[in-house]
Amino acid sequence: MDEASERKPTPVITYLLMALMVFLQVYLSLLPSARALHIFEAYSLMPVRLLDGVFLDSIVSYIFMHGNWVHLSVNVIALLGAGIIVERDIGHLRFLILFIV
């Protein structure tokens, strides 16, 4: 086989998800504390609100919310380690679905 046929696809979704998480953390850290807290509370997953049928969008949005830079760093490292392998193995769309689910 030649080198081109052995090349694995670039894990675009993994990189985009990591960039989105970092961007959101930077954005929230630049906001006044009260505003950042309001956004964090609005989009974080709180089971009691789900039971009331409120904030169903938080089922997806909580994935991108991180309490601090350490939390974000650990999640990004884990995503980098596992995401690249899984995305290359199952493909971009399936990986995105798996990540969200």
PDB file of N, CA and C in Angstrom:
ATOM      1  N   MET A   1       0.838  -1.184   0.000  1.00  0.00           N
ATOM      2  CA  MET A   1       0.000   0.000   0.000  1.00  0.00           C
ATOM      3  C   MET A   1       0.881   1.244   0.000  1.00  0.00           C
ATOM      4  N   ASP A   2       0.361   2.285  -0.601  1.00  0.00           N
ATOM      5  CA  ASP A   2       1.125   3.524  -0.576  1.00  0.00           C
ATOM      6  C   ASP A   2       0.745   4.343   0.662  1.00  0.00           C
ATOM      7  N   GLU A   3       1.537   5.352   0.933  1.00  0.00           N
ATOM      8  CA  GLU A   3       1.355   6.155   2.137  1.00  0.00           C
ATOM      9  C   GLU A   3       0.007   6.873   2.174  1.00  0.00           C
ATOM     10  N   ALA A   4      -0.485   7.337   1.043  1.00  0.00           N
ATOM     11  CA  ALA A   4      -1.756   8.070   0.991  1.00  0.00           C
ATOM     12  C   ALA A   4      -2.934   7.198   1.398  1.00  0.00           C
ATOM     13  N   SER A   5      -2.923   5.926   1.026  1.00  0.00           N
ATOM     14  CA  SER A   5      -4.045   5.053   1.364  1.00  0.00           C
ATOM     15  C   SER A   5      -4.018   4.638   2.830  1.00  0.00           C
ATOM     16  N   GLU A   6      -2.872   4.770   3.498  1.00  0.00           N
ATOM     17  CA  GLU A   6      -2.765   4.414   4.911  1.00  0.00           C
ATOM     18  C   GLU A   6      -3.056   5.591   5.839  1.00  0.00           C
ATOM     19  N   ARG A   7      -3.119   6.777   5.299  1.00  0.00           N
ATOM     20  CA  ARG A   7      -3.338   7.969   6.115  1.00  0.00           C
ATOM     21  C   ARG A   7      -4.732   7.929   6.727  1.00  0.00           C
ATOM     22  N   LYS A   8      -4.793   8.221   8.008  1.00  0.00           N
ATOM     23  CA  LYS A   8      -6.073   8.222   8.701  1.00  0.00           C
ATOM     24  C   LYS A   8      -6.688   9.613   8.626  1.00  0.00           C
ATOM     25  N   PRO A   9      -8.026   9.679   8.635  1.00  0.00           N
ATOM     26  CA  PRO A   9      -8.681  10.988   8.521  1.00  0.00           C
ATOM     27  C   PRO A   9      -8.377  11.882   9.732  1.00  0.00           C
ATOM     28  N   THR A  10      -8.323  13.164   9.479  1.00  0.00           N
ATOM     29  CA  THR A  10      -8.113  14.133  10.556  1.00  0.00           C
ATOM     30  C   THR A  10      -9.361  14.175  11.433  1.00  0.00           C
ATOM     31  N   PRO A  11      -9.200  14.084  12.744  1.00  0.00           N
ATOM     32  CA  PRO A  11     -10.355  14.094  13.656  1.00  0.00           C
ATOM     33  C   PRO A  11     -10.907  15.510  13.849  1.00  0.00           C
ATOM     34  N   VAL A  12     -11.540  16.008  12.818  1.00  0.00           N
ATOM     35  CA  VAL A  12     -12.026  17.388  12.781  1.00  0.00           C
ATOM     36  C   VAL A  12     -13.015  17.675  13.909  1.00  0.00           C
ATOM     37  N   ILE A  13     -13.923  16.772  14.148  1.00  0.00           N
ATOM     38  CA  ILE A  13     -14.950  16.987  15.176  1.00  0.00           C
ATOM     39  C   ILE A  13     -14.304  17.101  16.553  1.00  0.00           C
ATOM     40  N   THR A  14     -13.345  16.246  16.837  1.00  0.00           N
ATOM     41  CA  THR A  14     -12.641  16.310  18.121  1.00  0.00           C
ATOM     42  C   THR A  14     -12.007  17.678  18.313  1.00  0.00           C
ATOM     43  N   TYR A  15     -11.304  18.153  17.307  1.00  0.00           N
ATOM     44  CA  TYR A  15     -10.646  19.457  17.400  1.00  0.00           C
ATOM     45  C   TYR A  15     -11.656  20.598  17.516  1.00  0.00           C
ATOM     46  N   LEU A  16     -12.760  20.511  16.784  1.00  0.00           N
ATOM     47  CA  LEU A  16     -13.785  21.553  16.866  1.00  0.00           C
ATOM     48  C   LEU A  16     -14.453  21.583  18.244  1.00  0.00           C
ATOM     49  N   LEU A  17     -14.730  20.417  18.797  1.00  0.00           N
ATOM     50  CA  LEU A  17     -15.335  20.355  20.127  1.00  0.00           C
ATOM     51  C   LEU A  17     -14.402  20.943  21.178  1.00  0.00           C
ATOM     52  N   MET A  18     -13.120  20.599  21.092  1.00  0.00           N
ATOM     53  CA  MET A  18     -12.153  21.153  22.038  1.00  0.00           C
ATOM     54  C   MET A  18     -12.073  22.673  21.896  1.00  0.00           C
ATOM     55  N   ALA A  19     -12.039  23.157  20.670  1.00  0.00           N
ATOM     56  CA  ALA A  19     -11.969  24.603  20.437  1.00  0.00           C
ATOM     57  C   ALA A  19     -13.208  25.302  20.988  1.00  0.00           C
ATOM     58  N   LEU A  20     -14.370  24.698  20.793  1.00  0.00           N
ATOM     59  CA  LEU A  20     -15.612  25.279  21.302  1.00  0.00           C
ATOM     60  C   LEU A  20     -15.597  25.350  22.829  1.00  0.00           C
ATOM     61  N   MET A  21     -15.134  24.297  23.468  1.00  0.00           N
ATOM     62  CA  MET A  21     -15.060  24.287  24.932  1.00  0.00           C
ATOM     63  C   MET A  21     -14.113  25.363  25.453  1.00  0.00           C
ATOM     64  N   VAL A  22     -12.948  25.469  24.832  1.00  0.00           N
ATOM     65  CA  VAL A  22     -11.969  26.475  25.260  1.00  0.00           C
ATOM     66  C   VAL A  22     -12.506  27.880  25.000  1.00  0.00           C
ATOM     67  N   PHE A  23     -13.100  28.090  23.830  1.00  0.00           N
ATOM     68  CA  PHE A  23     -13.668  29.403  23.507  1.00  0.00           C
ATOM     69  C   PHE A  23     -14.713  29.805  24.539  1.00  0.00           C
ATOM     70  N   LEU A  24     -15.604  28.882  24.881  1.00  0.00           N
ATOM     71  CA  LEU A  24     -16.657  29.188  25.843  1.00  0.00           C
ATOM     72  C   LEU A  24     -16.065  29.515  27.211  1.00  0.00           C
ATOM     73  N   GLN A  25     -15.055  28.770  27.627  1.00  0.00           N
ATOM     74  CA  GLN A  25     -14.423  29.037  28.924  1.00  0.00           C
ATOM     75  C   GLN A  25     -13.751  30.414  28.932  1.00  0.00           C
ATOM     76  N   VAL A  26     -13.071  30.750  27.853  1.00  0.00           N
ATOM     77  CA  VAL A  26     -12.444  32.076  27.749  1.00  0.00           C
ATOM     78  C   VAL A  26     -13.519  33.159  27.789  1.00  0.00           C
ATOM     79  N   TYR A  27     -14.576  32.970  27.013  1.00  0.00           N
ATOM     80  CA  TYR A  27     -15.673  33.940  26.971  1.00  0.00           C
ATOM     81  C   TYR A  27     -16.268  34.156  28.363  1.00  0.00           C
ATOM     82  N   LEU A  28     -16.574  33.063  29.059  1.00  0.00           N
ATOM     83  CA  LEU A  28     -17.167  33.184  30.390  1.00  0.00           C
ATOM     84  C   LEU A  28     -16.207  33.837  31.377  1.00  0.00           C
ATOM     85  N   SER A  29     -14.927  33.567  31.239  1.00  0.00           N
ATOM     86  CA  SER A  29     -13.957  34.150  32.169  1.00  0.00           C
ATOM     87  C   SER A  29     -13.776  35.651  31.951  1.00  0.00           C
ATOM     88  N   LEU A  30     -14.143  36.143  30.780  1.00  0.00           N
ATOM     89  CA  LEU A  30     -14.021  37.572  30.492  1.00  0.00           C
ATOM     90  C   LEU A  30     -15.259  38.369  30.894  1.00  0.00           C
ATOM     91  N   LEU A  31     -16.336  37.685  31.174  1.00  0.00           N
ATOM     92  CA  LEU A  31     -17.580  38.357  31.570  1.00  0.00           C
ATOM     93  C   LEU A  31     -17.538  38.756  33.042  1.00  0.00           C
ATOM     94  N   PRO A  32     -18.347  39.744  33.417  1.00  0.00           N
ATOM     95  CA  PRO A  32     -18.507  40.021  34.851  1.00  0.00           C
ATOM     96  C   PRO A  32     -19.037  38.768  35.551  1.00  0.00           C
ATOM     97  N   SER A  33     -18.631  38.564  36.777  1.00  0.00           N
ATOM     98  CA  SER A  33     -18.962  37.331  37.509  1.00  0.00           C
ATOM     99  C   SER A  33     -20.454  37.025  37.541  1.00  0.00           C
ATOM    100  N   ALA A  34     -21.269  38.034  37.787  1.00  0.00           N
ATOM    101  CA  ALA A  34     -22.716  37.811  37.877  1.00  0.00           C
ATOM    102  C   ALA A  34     -23.283  37.321  36.549  1.00  0.00           C
ATOM    103  N   ARG A  35     -22.824  37.890  35.452  1.00  0.00           N
ATOM    104  CA  ARG A  35     -23.306  37.479  34.121  1.00  0.00           C
ATOM    105  C   ARG A  35     -22.840  36.069  33.797  1.00  0.00           C
ATOM    106  N   ALA A  36     -21.585  35.766  34.093  1.00  0.00           N
ATOM    107  CA  ALA A  36     -21.048  34.426  33.836  1.00  0.00           C
ATOM    108  C   ALA A  36     -21.809  33.384  34.654  1.00  0.00           C
ATOM    109  N   LEU A  37     -22.097  33.702  35.906  1.00  0.00           N
ATOM    110  CA  LEU A  37     -22.849  32.784  36.760  1.00  0.00           C
ATOM    111  C   LEU A  37     -24.252  32.566  36.212  1.00  0.00           C
ATOM    112  N   HIS A  38     -24.882  33.621  35.734  1.00  0.00           N
ATOM    113  CA  HIS A  38     -26.223  33.504  35.142  1.00  0.00           C
ATOM    114  C   HIS A  38     -26.201  32.554  33.937  1.00  0.00           C
ATOM    115  N   ILE A  39     -25.233  32.722  33.057  1.00  0.00           N
ATOM    116  CA  ILE A  39     -25.111  31.851  31.879  1.00  0.00           C
ATOM    117  C   ILE A  39     -24.820  30.425  32.309  1.00  0.00           C
ATOM    118  N   PHE A  40     -23.911  30.271  33.251  1.00  0.00           N
ATOM    119  CA  PHE A  40     -23.546  28.937  33.731  1.00  0.00           C
ATOM    120  C   PHE A  40     -24.763  28.218  34.307  1.00  0.00           C
ATOM    121  N   GLU A  41     -25.523  28.911  35.123  1.00  0.00           N
ATOM    122  CA  GLU A  41     -26.718  28.304  35.718  1.00  0.00           C
ATOM    123  C   GLU A  41     -27.792  28.016  34.673  1.00  0.00           C
ATOM    124  N   ALA A  42     -27.909  28.867  33.680  1.00  0.00           N
ATOM    125  CA  ALA A  42     -28.938  28.692  32.654  1.00  0.00           C
ATOM    126  C   ALA A  42     -28.666  27.491  31.756  1.00  0.00           C
ATOM    127  N   TYR A  43     -27.399  27.194  31.500  1.00  0.00           N
ATOM    128  CA  TYR A  43     -27.068  26.145  30.538  1.00  0.00           C
ATOM    129  C   TYR A  43     -26.445  24.898  31.154  1.00  0.00           C
ATOM    130  N   SER A  44     -26.259  24.878  32.459  1.00  0.00           N
ATOM    131  CA  SER A  44     -25.746  23.681  33.120  1.00  0.00           C
ATOM    132  C   SER A  44     -26.883  22.692  33.345  1.00  0.00           C
ATOM    133  N   LEU A  45     -26.525  21.451  33.505  1.00  0.00           N
ATOM    134  CA  LEU A  45     -27.525  20.407  33.712  1.00  0.00           C
ATOM    135  C   LEU A  45     -27.926  20.366  35.180  1.00  0.00           C
ATOM    136  N   MET A  46     -29.189  20.621  35.434  1.00  0.00           N
ATOM    137  CA  MET A  46     -29.735  20.549  36.783  1.00  0.00           C
ATOM    138  C   MET A  46     -30.944  19.630  36.720  1.00  0.00           C
ATOM    139  N   PRO A  47     -30.793  18.410  37.234  1.00  0.00           N
ATOM    140  CA  PRO A  47     -31.858  17.405  37.106  1.00  0.00           C
ATOM    141  C   PRO A  47     -33.233  17.870  37.575  1.00  0.00           C
ATOM    142  N   VAL A  48     -33.297  18.669  38.619  1.00  0.00           N
ATOM    143  CA  VAL A  48     -34.602  19.104  39.114  1.00  0.00           C
ATOM    144  C   VAL A  48     -35.357  19.907  38.051  1.00  0.00           C
ATOM    145  N   ARG A  49     -34.644  20.695  37.255  1.00  0.00           N
ATOM    146  CA  ARG A  49     -35.300  21.455  36.193  1.00  0.00           C
ATOM    147  C   ARG A  49     -35.737  20.543  35.055  1.00  0.00           C
ATOM    148  N   LEU A  50     -34.976  19.488  34.802  1.00  0.00           N
ATOM    149  CA  LEU A  50     -35.362  18.543  33.751  1.00  0.00           C
ATOM    150  C   LEU A  50     -36.642  17.816  34.124  1.00  0.00           C
ATOM    151  N   LEU A  51     -36.782  17.487  35.397  1.00  0.00           N
ATOM    152  CA  LEU A  51     -37.992  16.806  35.853  1.00  0.00           C
ATOM    153  C   LEU A  51     -39.224  17.683  35.659  1.00  0.00           C
ATOM    154  N   ASP A  52     -39.027  18.979  35.727  1.00  0.00           N
ATOM    155  CA  ASP A  52     -40.129  19.916  35.500  1.00  0.00           C
ATOM    156  C   ASP A  52     -40.347  20.200  34.021  1.00  0.00           C
ATOM    157  N   GLY A  53     -39.495  19.628  33.157  1.00  0.00           N
ATOM    158  CA  GLY A  53     -39.603  19.860  31.723  1.00  0.00           C
ATOM    159  C   GLY A  53     -39.046  21.200  31.283  1.00  0.00           C
ATOM    160  N   VAL A  54     -38.284  21.828  32.151  1.00  0.00           N
ATOM    161  CA  VAL A  54     -37.705  23.136  31.859  1.00  0.00           C
ATOM    162  C   VAL A  54     -36.249  22.954  31.442  1.00  0.00           C
ATOM    163  N   PHE A  55     -35.787  23.797  30.526  1.00  0.00           N
ATOM    164  CA  PHE A  55     -34.388  23.811  30.123  1.00  0.00           C
ATOM    165  C   PHE A  55     -33.927  22.484  29.521  1.00  0.00           C
ATOM    166  N   LEU A  56     -34.730  21.915  28.626  1.00  0.00           N
ATOM    167  CA  LEU A  56     -34.333  20.669  27.979  1.00  0.00           C
ATOM    168  C   LEU A  56     -33.077  20.839  27.131  1.00  0.00           C
ATOM    169  N   ASP A  57     -32.800  22.064  26.692  1.00  0.00           N
ATOM    170  CA  ASP A  57     -31.581  22.300  25.919  1.00  0.00           C
ATOM    171  C   ASP A  57     -30.322  22.066  26.748  1.00  0.00           C
ATOM    172  N   SER A  58     -30.446  22.099  28.066  1.00  0.00           N
ATOM    173  CA  SER A  58     -29.276  21.878  28.913  1.00  0.00           C
ATOM    174  C   SER A  58     -28.774  20.439  28.840  1.00  0.00           C
ATOM    175  N   ILE A  59     -29.575  19.533  28.276  1.00  0.00           N
ATOM    176  CA  ILE A  59     -29.124  18.152  28.088  1.00  0.00           C
ATOM    177  C   ILE A  59     -27.909  18.124  27.169  1.00  0.00           C
ATOM    178  N   VAL A  60     -27.853  19.034  26.218  1.00  0.00           N
ATOM    179  CA  VAL A  60     -26.705  19.127  25.312  1.00  0.00           C
ATOM    180  C   VAL A  60     -25.728  20.204  25.771  1.00  0.00           C
ATOM    181  N   SER A  61     -26.224  21.340  26.186  1.00  0.00           N
ATOM    182  CA  SER A  61     -25.331  22.467  26.490  1.00  0.00           C
ATOM    183  C   SER A  61     -24.413  22.204  27.677  1.00  0.00           C
ATOM    184  N   TYR A  62     -24.817  21.349  28.614  1.00  0.00           N
ATOM    185  CA  TYR A  62     -23.974  21.111  29.789  1.00  0.00           C
ATOM    186  C   TYR A  62     -22.631  20.486  29.421  1.00  0.00           C
ATOM    187  N   ILE A  63     -22.567  19.814  28.273  1.00  0.00           N
ATOM    188  CA  ILE A  63     -21.328  19.181  27.824  1.00  0.00           C
ATOM    189  C   ILE A  63     -20.216  20.213  27.681  1.00  0.00           C
ATOM    190  N   PHE A  64     -20.575  21.421  27.335  1.00  0.00           N
ATOM    191  CA  PHE A  64     -19.589  22.457  27.053  1.00  0.00           C
ATOM    192  C   PHE A  64     -19.309  23.365  28.247  1.00  0.00           C
ATOM    193  N   MET A  65     -20.001  23.150  29.360  1.00  0.00           N
ATOM    194  CA  MET A  65     -19.826  23.984  30.546  1.00  0.00           C
ATOM    195  C   MET A  65     -18.810  23.332  31.484  1.00  0.00           C
ATOM    196  N   HIS A  66     -17.870  24.136  31.973  1.00  0.00           N
ATOM    197  CA  HIS A  66     -16.841  23.633  32.884  1.00  0.00           C
ATOM    198  C   HIS A  66     -16.711  24.593  34.057  1.00  0.00           C
ATOM    199  N   GLY A  67     -16.584  24.028  35.241  1.00  0.00           N
ATOM    200  CA  GLY A  67     -16.538  24.838  36.455  1.00  0.00           C
ATOM    201  C   GLY A  67     -15.308  25.710  36.584  1.00  0.00           C
ATOM    202  N   ASN A  68     -14.195  25.250  36.043  1.00  0.00           N
ATOM    203  CA  ASN A  68     -12.957  26.027  36.120  1.00  0.00           C
ATOM    204  C   ASN A  68     -11.974  25.509  35.067  1.00  0.00           C
ATOM    205  N   TRP A  69     -10.789  26.118  35.036  1.00  0.00           N
ATOM    206  CA  TRP A  69      -9.800  25.761  34.018  1.00  0.00           C
ATOM    207  C   TRP A  69      -9.250  24.353  34.213  1.00  0.00           C
ATOM    208  N   VAL A  70      -9.156  23.890  35.451  1.00  0.00           N
ATOM    209  CA  VAL A  70      -8.671  22.522  35.694  1.00  0.00           C
ATOM    210  C   VAL A  70      -9.675  21.520  35.145  1.00  0.00           C
ATOM    211  N   HIS A  71     -10.937  21.738  35.426  1.00  0.00           N
ATOM    212  CA  HIS A  71     -12.002  20.875  34.921  1.00  0.00           C
ATOM    213  C   HIS A  71     -11.959  20.822  33.394  1.00  0.00           C
ATOM    214  N   LEU A  72     -11.856  21.982  32.771  1.00  0.00           N
ATOM    215  CA  LEU A  72     -11.766  22.038  31.314  1.00  0.00           C
ATOM    216  C   LEU A  72     -10.528  21.298  30.812  1.00  0.00           C
ATOM    217  N   SER A  73      -9.386  21.529  31.439  1.00  0.00           N
ATOM    218  CA  SER A  73      -8.134  20.894  31.000  1.00  0.00           C
ATOM    219  C   SER A  73      -8.211  19.374  31.053  1.00  0.00           C
ATOM    220  N   VAL A  74      -8.752  18.843  32.134  1.00  0.00           N
ATOM    221  CA  VAL A  74      -8.881  17.387  32.262  1.00  0.00           C
ATOM    222  C   VAL A  74      -9.801  16.844  31.175  1.00  0.00           C
ATOM    223  N   ASN A  75     -10.915  17.516  30.932  1.00  0.00           N
ATOM    224  CA  ASN A  75     -11.840  17.051  29.901  1.00  0.00           C
ATOM    225  C   ASN A  75     -11.247  17.153  28.500  1.00  0.00           C
ATOM    226  N   VAL A  76     -10.509  18.220  28.231  1.00  0.00           N
ATOM    227  CA  VAL A  76      -9.886  18.379  26.915  1.00  0.00           C
ATOM    228  C   VAL A  76      -8.813  17.311  26.701  1.00  0.00           C
ATOM    229  N   ILE A  77      -8.026  17.026  27.727  1.00  0.00           N
ATOM    230  CA  ILE A  77      -7.000  15.980  27.608  1.00  0.00           C
ATOM    231  C   ILE A  77      -7.651  14.622  27.359  1.00  0.00           C
ATOM    232  N   ALA A  78      -8.728  14.327  28.085  1.00  0.00           N
ATOM    233  CA  ALA A  78      -9.440  13.063  27.880  1.00  0.00           C
ATOM    234  C   ALA A  78     -10.038  13.000  26.476  1.00  0.00           C
ATOM    235  N   LEU A  79     -10.626  14.094  26.030  1.00  0.00           N
ATOM    236  CA  LEU A  79     -11.201  14.140  24.686  1.00  0.00           C
ATOM    237  C   LEU A  79     -10.115  13.981  23.635  1.00  0.00           C
ATOM    238  N   LEU A  80      -8.994  14.615  23.847  1.00  0.00           N
ATOM    239  CA  LEU A  80      -7.878  14.501  22.912  1.00  0.00           C
ATOM    240  C   LEU A  80      -7.380  13.060  22.843  1.00  0.00           C
ATOM    241  N   GLY A  81      -7.236  12.432  24.002  1.00  0.00           N
ATOM    242  CA  GLY A  81      -6.736  11.057  24.035  1.00  0.00           C
ATOM    243  C   GLY A  81      -7.690  10.048  23.430  1.00  0.00           C
ATOM    244  N   ALA A  82      -8.944  10.127  23.810  1.00  0.00           N
ATOM    245  CA  ALA A  82      -9.915   9.141  23.338  1.00  0.00           C
ATOM    246  C   ALA A  82     -10.602   9.573  22.047  1.00  0.00           C
ATOM    247  N   GLY A  83     -10.884  10.856  21.925  1.00  0.00           N
ATOM    248  CA  GLY A  83     -11.648  11.351  20.785  1.00  0.00           C
ATOM    249  C   GLY A  83     -10.992  11.108  19.449  1.00  0.00           C
ATOM    250  N   ILE A  84      -9.692  11.337  19.385  1.00  0.00           N
ATOM    251  CA  ILE A  84      -8.982  11.134  18.119  1.00  0.00           C
ATOM    252  C   ILE A  84      -9.105   9.690  17.661  1.00  0.00           C
ATOM    253  N   ILE A  85      -8.876   8.769  18.567  1.00  0.00           N
ATOM    254  CA  ILE A  85      -8.927   7.341  18.230  1.00  0.00           C
ATOM    255  C   ILE A  85     -10.335   6.939  17.811  1.00  0.00           C
ATOM    256  N   VAL A  86     -11.313   7.315  18.618  1.00  0.00           N
ATOM    257  CA  VAL A  86     -12.694   6.915  18.342  1.00  0.00           C
ATOM    258  C   VAL A  86     -13.205   7.558  17.055  1.00  0.00           C
ATOM    259  N   GLU A  87     -12.942   8.845  16.869  1.00  0.00           N
ATOM    260  CA  GLU A  87     -13.429   9.517  15.661  1.00  0.00           C
ATOM    261  C   GLU A  87     -12.819   8.910  14.408  1.00  0.00           C
ATOM    262  N   ARG A  88     -11.542   8.595  14.454  1.00  0.00           N
ATOM    263  CA  ARG A  88     -10.909   7.969  13.285  1.00  0.00           C
ATOM    264  C   ARG A  88     -11.484   6.585  13.027  1.00  0.00           C
ATOM    265  N   ASP A  89     -11.884   5.911  14.083  1.00  0.00           N
ATOM    266  CA  ASP A  89     -12.405   4.552  13.940  1.00  0.00           C
ATOM    267  C   ASP A  89     -13.851   4.523  13.444  1.00  0.00           C
ATOM    268  N   ILE A  90     -14.704   5.403  13.980  1.00  0.00           N
ATOM    269  CA  ILE A  90     -16.129   5.321  13.625  1.00  0.00           C
ATOM    270  C   ILE A  90     -16.592   6.428  12.680  1.00  0.00           C
ATOM    271  N   GLY A  91     -15.761   7.412  12.435  1.00  0.00           N
ATOM    272  CA  GLY A  91     -16.133   8.488  11.514  1.00  0.00           C
ATOM    273  C   GLY A  91     -16.645   9.722  12.234  1.00  0.00           C
ATOM    274  N   HIS A  92     -16.693  10.811  11.480  1.00  0.00           N
ATOM    275  CA  HIS A  92     -17.027  12.115  12.049  1.00  0.00           C
ATOM    276  C   HIS A  92     -18.451  12.192  12.598  1.00  0.00           C
ATOM    277  N   LEU A  93     -19.424  11.843  11.788  1.00  0.00           N
ATOM    278  CA  LEU A  93     -20.824  11.983  12.203  1.00  0.00           C
ATOM    279  C   LEU A  93     -21.159  11.062  13.370  1.00  0.00           C
ATOM    280  N   ARG A  94     -20.748   9.822  13.280  1.00  0.00           N
ATOM    281  CA  ARG A  94     -21.023   8.882  14.378  1.00  0.00           C
ATOM    282  C   ARG A  94     -20.356   9.339  15.670  1.00  0.00           C
ATOM    283  N   PHE A  95     -19.150   9.879  15.554  1.00  0.00           N
ATOM    284  CA  PHE A  95     -18.460  10.369  16.746  1.00  0.00           C
ATOM    285  C   PHE A  95     -19.217  11.535  17.367  1.00  0.00           C
ATOM    286  N   LEU A  96     -19.685  12.452  16.541  1.00  0.00           N
ATOM    287  CA  LEU A  96     -20.438  13.594  17.059  1.00  0.00           C
ATOM    288  C   LEU A  96     -21.704  13.126  17.772  1.00  0.00           C
ATOM    289  N   ILE A  97     -22.397  12.184  17.181  1.00  0.00           N
ATOM    290  CA  ILE A  97     -23.604  11.635  17.813  1.00  0.00           C
ATOM    291  C   ILE A  97     -23.251  10.961  19.130  1.00  0.00           C
ATOM    292  N   LEU A  98     -22.198  10.164  19.130  1.00  0.00           N
ATOM    293  CA  LEU A  98     -21.751   9.496  20.355  1.00  0.00           C
ATOM    294  C   LEU A  98     -21.376  10.514  21.422  1.00  0.00           C
ATOM    295  N   PHE A  99     -20.683  11.551  21.048  1.00  0.00           N
ATOM    296  CA  PHE A  99     -20.260  12.578  21.995  1.00  0.00           C
ATOM    297  C   PHE A  99     -21.466  13.259  22.635  1.00  0.00           C
ATOM    298  N   ILE A 100     -22.446  13.587  21.830  1.00  0.00           N
ATOM    299  CA  ILE A 100     -23.622  14.284  22.352  1.00  0.00           C
ATOM    300  C   ILE A 100     -24.487  13.362  23.206  1.00  0.00           C
ATOM    301  N   VAL A 101     -24.585  12.120  22.793  1.00  0.00           N
ATOM    302  CA  VAL A 101     -25.391  11.163  23.552  1.00  0.00           C
ATOM    303  C   VAL A 101     -24.657  10.773  24.808  1.00  0.00           C
TER     304      VAL A 101
END
